[in-house]
Amino acid sequence: MARIAFLGVGRMGAGMAARMLGAGHEVSVFNRTPEKAAGLVTAGATLAATPREAAHGAEAIFAMVADDDASRAAWLGADGALAGEYVPDAFAVEFSTVSRRWVLELAKHAAAHGIRYLDSPVTGLPDAAAAGRLTLFIGADPTHLDMARPLLAPLCTDIVHFGAVGAGTSYKLIQNLLGSIQIAATAEALRTAELAGLDLAVVTDTLSRGGAASPTVVRMCREMTGGVHDRDIAFTAALRLKDTRIGVELADAVGTPAALGHTAEQIFQRLVAGGHGDLSETKLIDLLRGPAVG
């Protein structure tokens, strides 16, 4: 069993850290809001005051945070994990969905500290994280990945190796940008159906069984028509905007127009600017209904 530092125990990280505890690892956790780690501490984790403290003696340092800024704060600086006294050749695994630009920079920092770095964004909602049913999108040295597989096993049902560091994040950003476009399109379709006088329950059922269906479309139809956007939140509007923004950033960097991606970004910007950033991304349907409903 290994000593694991886990940085960030929000909706996704809490379930992932719990999986590591359940596998018998010694887990030290850090979270910017310490109260969110209470359940993990009760289950046997040690609460650290800083990422550096969490990384003390660690054989692997895992991070699952919201964005580039949070990731930078977790890894760098006097209190960052890379400043800690971890074991030689420790693994650093960034599970967060962050920009490719930052992933490549972080990999250089990790290499300078003698750490084996894995770029490993995940796909799956919080329930999948808690059940160990995530899929990991890996960008890493193949030898490093092979050595890390036993540590990653409690978290996932599948590992896809896309290539060198940065490749895992590139794929994740492409997938999530496609998801953002599907979410925006689903909201528009449902609003159009509503204005056309169609029964949304019938529309949802039929769309879910039709050729335009995808897991995202099916889930969005169900949750948007359900109308509950302020509890049991799987993914916030602010996080969706962040993922859309860095997905478009990647598209721009490689030279593709990404017209639909830019449009989705503008739509989610409106949702967040309207004060709904902490609500579910499904709140988008109300944005299209206008201020009288939102």
Protein backbone atom coordinates (compact mmCIF):
# COMPACT_ATOMS: atom_id res chain seq x y z
CA MET A 1 0.00 0.00 0.00
CA ALA A 2 1.17 3.52 -0.76
CA ARG A 3 1.07 6.92 0.85
CA ILE A 4 -1.11 9.17 -1.32
CA ALA A 5 -1.56 12.93 -1.20
CA PHE A 6 -4.92 14.01 -2.61
CA LEU A 7 -5.36 17.71 -3.42
CA GLY A 8 -8.95 18.83 -3.92
CA VAL A 9 -11.85 16.84 -2.48
CA GLY A 10 -14.88 18.49 -4.02
CA ARG A 11 -17.64 16.69 -5.91
CA MET A 12 -15.22 14.49 -7.85
CA GLY A 13 -12.16 14.43 -5.61
CA ALA A 14 -14.03 13.27 -2.51
CA GLY A 15 -15.20 10.08 -4.20
CA MET A 16 -11.79 9.45 -5.71
CA ALA A 17 -9.97 9.93 -2.41
CA ALA A 18 -12.47 7.61 -0.74
CA ARG A 19 -11.64 4.96 -3.33
CA MET A 20 -7.96 5.21 -2.43
CA LEU A 21 -8.79 4.83 1.25
CA GLY A 22 -10.97 1.83 0.46
CA ALA A 23 -8.08 0.24 -1.39
CA GLY A 24 -6.02 0.40 1.79
CA HIS A 25 -3.76 3.33 0.93
CA GLU A 26 -2.67 5.91 3.48
CA VAL A 27 -4.25 9.14 2.26
CA SER A 28 -3.49 12.73 3.23
CA VAL A 29 -5.97 15.26 1.86
CA PHE A 30 -5.93 18.99 1.27
CA ASN A 31 -8.91 21.12 0.33
CA ARG A 32 -9.24 24.88 0.23
CA THR A 33 -12.46 24.46 2.22
CA PRO A 34 -11.34 22.01 4.95
CA GLU A 35 -14.90 21.27 6.06
CA LYS A 36 -15.52 19.39 2.81
CA ALA A 37 -12.90 16.83 3.87
CA ALA A 38 -14.69 15.92 7.11
CA GLY A 39 -16.18 12.69 5.78
CA LEU A 40 -12.82 11.52 4.47
CA VAL A 41 -11.14 12.29 7.78
CA THR A 42 -13.81 10.23 9.55
CA ALA A 43 -13.04 7.41 7.10
CA GLY A 44 -9.34 7.50 7.99
CA ALA A 45 -7.72 10.23 5.90
CA THR A 46 -5.35 12.78 7.40
CA LEU A 47 -6.24 16.44 6.85
CA ALA A 48 -3.32 18.62 5.79
CA ALA A 49 -3.20 22.40 6.13
CA THR A 50 -1.35 22.89 2.84
CA PRO A 51 -0.60 20.90 -0.31
CA ARG A 52 3.03 20.81 0.77
CA GLU A 53 2.05 19.21 4.06
CA ALA A 54 -0.19 16.69 2.27
CA ALA A 55 2.71 15.69 0.02
CA HIS A 56 5.07 14.91 2.90
CA GLY A 57 6.33 11.36 2.42
CA ALA A 58 3.98 10.75 -0.50
CA GLU A 59 4.67 8.17 -3.17
CA ALA A 60 2.00 9.71 -5.37
CA ILE A 61 0.38 13.14 -5.40
CA PHE A 62 -3.07 13.36 -7.00
CA ALA A 63 -4.94 16.57 -7.79
CA MET A 64 -8.57 17.14 -8.76
CA VAL A 65 -9.35 20.85 -8.72
CA ALA A 66 -11.47 23.32 -10.65
CA ASP A 67 -9.19 25.16 -13.05
CA ASP A 68 -5.69 26.34 -13.98
CA ASP A 69 -5.46 28.81 -11.10
CA ALA A 70 -6.45 26.23 -8.50
CA SER A 71 -4.05 23.69 -9.99
CA ARG A 72 -1.19 26.19 -10.03
CA ALA A 73 -1.84 27.03 -6.38
CA ALA A 74 -1.94 23.35 -5.43
CA TRP A 75 1.37 22.47 -7.09
CA LEU A 76 3.55 25.57 -7.02
CA GLY A 77 4.79 28.11 -4.48
CA ALA A 78 6.17 27.77 -0.98
CA ASP A 79 3.08 25.82 0.17
CA GLY A 80 2.59 23.88 -3.07
CA ALA A 81 2.93 20.15 -3.33
CA LEU A 82 6.13 20.31 -5.38
CA ALA A 83 7.82 22.10 -2.49
CA GLY A 84 7.13 19.13 -0.22
CA GLU A 85 9.35 16.28 0.93
CA TYR A 86 7.90 13.40 -1.05
CA VAL A 87 9.72 10.18 -1.90
CA PRO A 88 12.18 10.16 -4.80
CA ASP A 89 10.54 9.44 -8.17
CA ALA A 90 7.07 10.05 -6.78
CA PHE A 91 4.18 10.23 -9.21
CA ALA A 92 2.36 13.50 -9.85
CA VAL A 93 -1.06 12.94 -11.42
CA GLU A 94 -3.24 15.86 -12.49
CA PHE A 95 -6.79 14.60 -12.90
CA SER A 96 -8.30 18.06 -13.31
CA THR A 97 -9.62 19.41 -16.59
CA VAL A 98 -7.19 22.25 -17.18
CA SER A 99 -5.66 23.91 -20.22
CA ARG A 100 -3.11 22.08 -22.34
CA ARG A 101 -0.81 25.08 -21.96
CA TRP A 102 -0.79 24.68 -18.18
CA VAL A 103 -0.41 20.89 -18.34
CA LEU A 104 2.78 21.25 -20.39
CA GLU A 105 4.13 23.88 -18.00
CA LEU A 106 3.30 21.78 -14.95
CA ALA A 107 5.03 18.76 -16.50
CA LYS A 108 8.23 20.80 -16.77
CA HIS A 109 7.98 21.81 -13.11
CA ALA A 110 7.43 18.20 -12.11
CA ALA A 111 10.41 17.00 -14.15
CA ALA A 112 12.61 19.66 -12.55
CA HIS A 113 11.66 18.22 -9.16
CA GLY A 114 12.39 14.62 -10.20
CA ILE A 115 8.74 13.60 -10.29
CA ARG A 116 7.11 11.27 -12.83
CA TYR A 117 4.19 13.23 -14.26
CA LEU A 118 0.94 11.84 -15.67
CA ASP A 119 -1.54 14.02 -17.51
CA SER A 120 -4.78 12.24 -16.60
CA PRO A 121 -8.10 14.08 -16.94
CA VAL A 122 -11.11 11.87 -16.30
CA THR A 123 -14.57 11.33 -17.69
CA GLY A 124 -17.49 10.43 -15.44
CA LEU A 125 -19.83 12.17 -13.00
CA PRO A 126 -19.44 12.21 -9.20
CA ASP A 127 -21.34 8.94 -8.78
CA ALA A 128 -18.86 7.23 -11.11
CA ALA A 129 -15.95 8.73 -9.16
CA ALA A 130 -17.32 7.31 -5.92
CA ALA A 131 -17.86 3.89 -7.50
CA GLY A 132 -14.45 3.69 -9.20
CA ARG A 133 -16.03 3.74 -12.66
CA LEU A 134 -14.12 6.63 -14.22
CA THR A 135 -12.26 6.50 -17.51
CA LEU A 136 -8.80 8.08 -17.44
CA PHE A 137 -7.42 9.89 -20.48
CA ILE A 138 -3.66 9.61 -20.13
CA GLY A 139 -0.80 11.56 -21.61
CA ALA A 140 2.46 10.15 -20.22
CA ASP A 141 5.65 8.22 -20.79
CA PRO A 142 4.45 4.61 -21.36
CA THR A 143 6.87 3.30 -18.72
CA HIS A 144 5.57 5.76 -16.14
CA LEU A 145 1.98 4.80 -16.93
CA ASP A 146 2.71 1.08 -16.59
CA MET A 147 4.30 1.66 -13.19
CA ALA A 148 1.38 3.81 -12.04
CA ARG A 149 -1.42 1.46 -13.16
CA PRO A 150 -1.74 -0.34 -9.79
CA LEU A 151 -2.20 3.04 -8.05
CA LEU A 152 -4.80 4.16 -10.59
CA ALA A 153 -6.78 0.91 -10.60
CA PRO A 154 -9.19 1.74 -7.73
CA LEU A 155 -10.37 4.84 -9.59
CA CYS A 156 -11.35 3.55 -12.99
CA THR A 157 -12.73 0.87 -15.26
CA ASP A 158 -10.70 2.01 -18.26
CA ILE A 159 -7.45 3.79 -19.07
CA VAL A 160 -6.89 5.24 -22.54
CA HIS A 161 -3.31 6.23 -23.33
CA PHE A 162 -3.33 8.95 -26.00
CA GLY A 163 0.41 9.58 -26.12
CA ALA A 164 2.88 11.95 -24.50
CA VAL A 165 2.08 14.46 -21.75
CA GLY A 166 -0.57 16.86 -23.06
CA ALA A 167 -2.30 14.28 -25.25
CA GLY A 168 -4.74 13.20 -22.54
CA THR A 169 -5.79 16.78 -21.90
CA SER A 170 -6.07 17.51 -25.63
CA TYR A 171 -8.55 14.66 -25.99
CA LYS A 172 -10.50 15.67 -22.88
CA LEU A 173 -10.87 19.25 -24.10
CA ILE A 174 -12.07 18.03 -27.50
CA GLN A 175 -14.63 15.73 -25.85
CA ASN A 176 -15.87 18.39 -23.45
CA LEU A 177 -16.16 21.02 -26.16
CA LEU A 178 -18.29 18.61 -28.16
CA GLY A 179 -20.35 18.08 -25.00
CA SER A 180 -20.83 21.84 -24.55
CA ILE A 181 -22.10 22.15 -28.11
CA GLN A 182 -24.51 19.24 -27.54
CA ILE A 183 -25.80 20.79 -24.30
CA ALA A 184 -26.43 24.15 -25.96
CA ALA A 185 -28.10 22.46 -28.93
CA THR A 186 -30.29 20.33 -26.65
CA ALA A 187 -31.50 23.40 -24.77
CA GLU A 188 -32.34 25.11 -28.07
CA ALA A 189 -34.18 22.02 -29.32
CA LEU A 190 -36.26 21.74 -26.16
CA ARG A 191 -37.09 25.44 -26.18
CA THR A 192 -38.11 25.25 -29.83
CA ALA A 193 -40.33 22.26 -29.06
CA GLU A 194 -41.86 24.11 -26.12
CA LEU A 195 -42.67 27.18 -28.24
CA ALA A 196 -44.11 24.92 -30.93
CA GLY A 197 -46.56 23.56 -28.37
CA LEU A 198 -45.13 20.07 -28.08
CA ASP A 199 -45.27 18.00 -24.91
CA LEU A 200 -41.70 18.07 -23.56
CA ALA A 201 -42.06 14.67 -21.90
CA VAL A 202 -42.92 13.13 -25.27
CA VAL A 203 -40.15 15.10 -26.97
CA THR A 204 -37.61 13.94 -24.38
CA ASP A 205 -38.61 10.30 -24.72
CA THR A 206 -38.56 10.41 -28.51
CA LEU A 207 -35.26 12.28 -28.77
CA SER A 208 -33.69 9.82 -26.36
CA ARG A 209 -34.57 6.94 -28.67
CA GLY A 210 -33.77 8.70 -31.92
CA GLY A 211 -30.76 9.09 -34.16
CA ALA A 212 -29.72 12.37 -32.53
CA ALA A 213 -29.43 10.78 -29.11
CA SER A 214 -26.17 10.61 -27.20
CA PRO A 215 -25.55 10.10 -23.47
CA THR A 216 -25.25 13.88 -23.14
CA VAL A 217 -28.45 14.59 -25.06
CA VAL A 218 -30.38 11.96 -23.11
CA ARG A 219 -29.18 13.28 -19.74
CA MET A 220 -29.73 16.93 -20.67
CA CYS A 221 -33.25 16.27 -21.94
CA ARG A 222 -34.15 14.52 -18.70
CA GLU A 223 -32.56 17.06 -16.38
CA MET A 224 -33.58 20.20 -18.26
CA THR A 225 -37.23 19.15 -18.43
CA GLY A 226 -37.02 18.12 -14.76
CA GLY A 227 -36.41 21.77 -13.96
CA VAL A 228 -34.27 21.27 -10.83
CA HIS A 229 -31.05 23.22 -11.23
CA ASP A 230 -30.06 24.10 -7.66
CA ARG A 231 -29.43 20.73 -6.00
CA ASP A 232 -27.83 17.37 -6.76
CA ILE A 233 -25.57 19.31 -9.12
CA ALA A 234 -23.24 17.13 -11.18
CA PHE A 235 -21.61 19.98 -13.09
CA THR A 236 -21.98 23.72 -12.61
CA ALA A 237 -22.50 26.35 -15.27
CA ALA A 238 -19.19 27.98 -14.26
CA LEU A 239 -17.28 24.74 -14.79
CA ARG A 240 -19.00 24.20 -18.13
CA LEU A 241 -17.96 27.69 -19.23
CA LYS A 242 -14.38 27.00 -18.13
CA ASP A 243 -14.25 23.73 -20.06
CA THR A 244 -15.75 25.37 -23.14
CA ARG A 245 -13.31 28.26 -22.96
CA ILE A 246 -10.19 26.09 -22.74
CA GLY A 247 -11.56 23.77 -25.41
CA VAL A 248 -11.95 26.72 -27.78
CA GLU A 249 -8.47 27.86 -26.75
CA LEU A 250 -7.08 24.51 -27.91
CA ALA A 251 -9.00 24.71 -31.18
CA ASP A 252 -7.70 28.21 -31.80
CA ALA A 253 -4.15 27.10 -30.99
CA VAL A 254 -4.19 24.31 -33.58
CA GLY A 255 -5.85 26.50 -36.20
CA THR A 256 -9.42 25.23 -36.55
CA PRO A 257 -12.27 27.80 -36.69
CA ALA A 258 -14.44 26.08 -34.02
CA ALA A 259 -17.43 28.26 -34.90
CA LEU A 260 -19.85 26.09 -32.93
CA GLY A 261 -17.47 26.00 -29.97
CA HIS A 262 -17.22 29.79 -29.91
CA THR A 263 -21.01 30.06 -30.05
CA ALA A 264 -21.39 27.62 -27.15
CA GLU A 265 -18.83 29.63 -25.18
CA GLN A 266 -20.85 32.82 -25.71
CA ILE A 267 -24.05 31.07 -24.58
CA PHE A 268 -22.48 29.79 -21.37
CA GLN A 269 -20.90 33.20 -20.76
CA ARG A 270 -24.42 34.66 -20.78
CA LEU A 271 -25.58 32.02 -18.31
CA VAL A 272 -22.76 32.72 -15.87
CA ALA A 273 -23.01 36.51 -16.33
CA GLY A 274 -26.66 36.18 -15.37
CA GLY A 275 -25.62 35.02 -11.91
CA HIS A 276 -26.14 31.28 -12.44
CA GLY A 277 -22.53 30.08 -12.29
CA ASP A 278 -23.07 28.00 -9.15
CA LEU A 279 -26.19 26.32 -10.51
CA SER A 280 -26.29 23.26 -12.75
CA GLU A 281 -25.37 23.66 -16.40
CA THR A 282 -28.95 22.51 -17.07
CA LYS A 283 -30.10 26.01 -16.07
CA LEU A 284 -29.34 26.92 -19.68
CA ILE A 285 -32.90 26.00 -20.65
CA ASP A 286 -34.20 28.85 -18.45
CA LEU A 287 -31.78 31.29 -20.04
CA LEU A 288 -33.40 30.56 -23.39
CA ARG A 289 -36.83 31.06 -21.87
CA GLY A 290 -35.92 34.62 -20.96
CA PRO A 291 -35.76 36.72 -17.78
CA ALA A 292 -39.40 36.20 -16.85
CA VAL A 293 -38.73 32.50 -16.28
CA GLY A 294 -35.04 32.48 -15.25
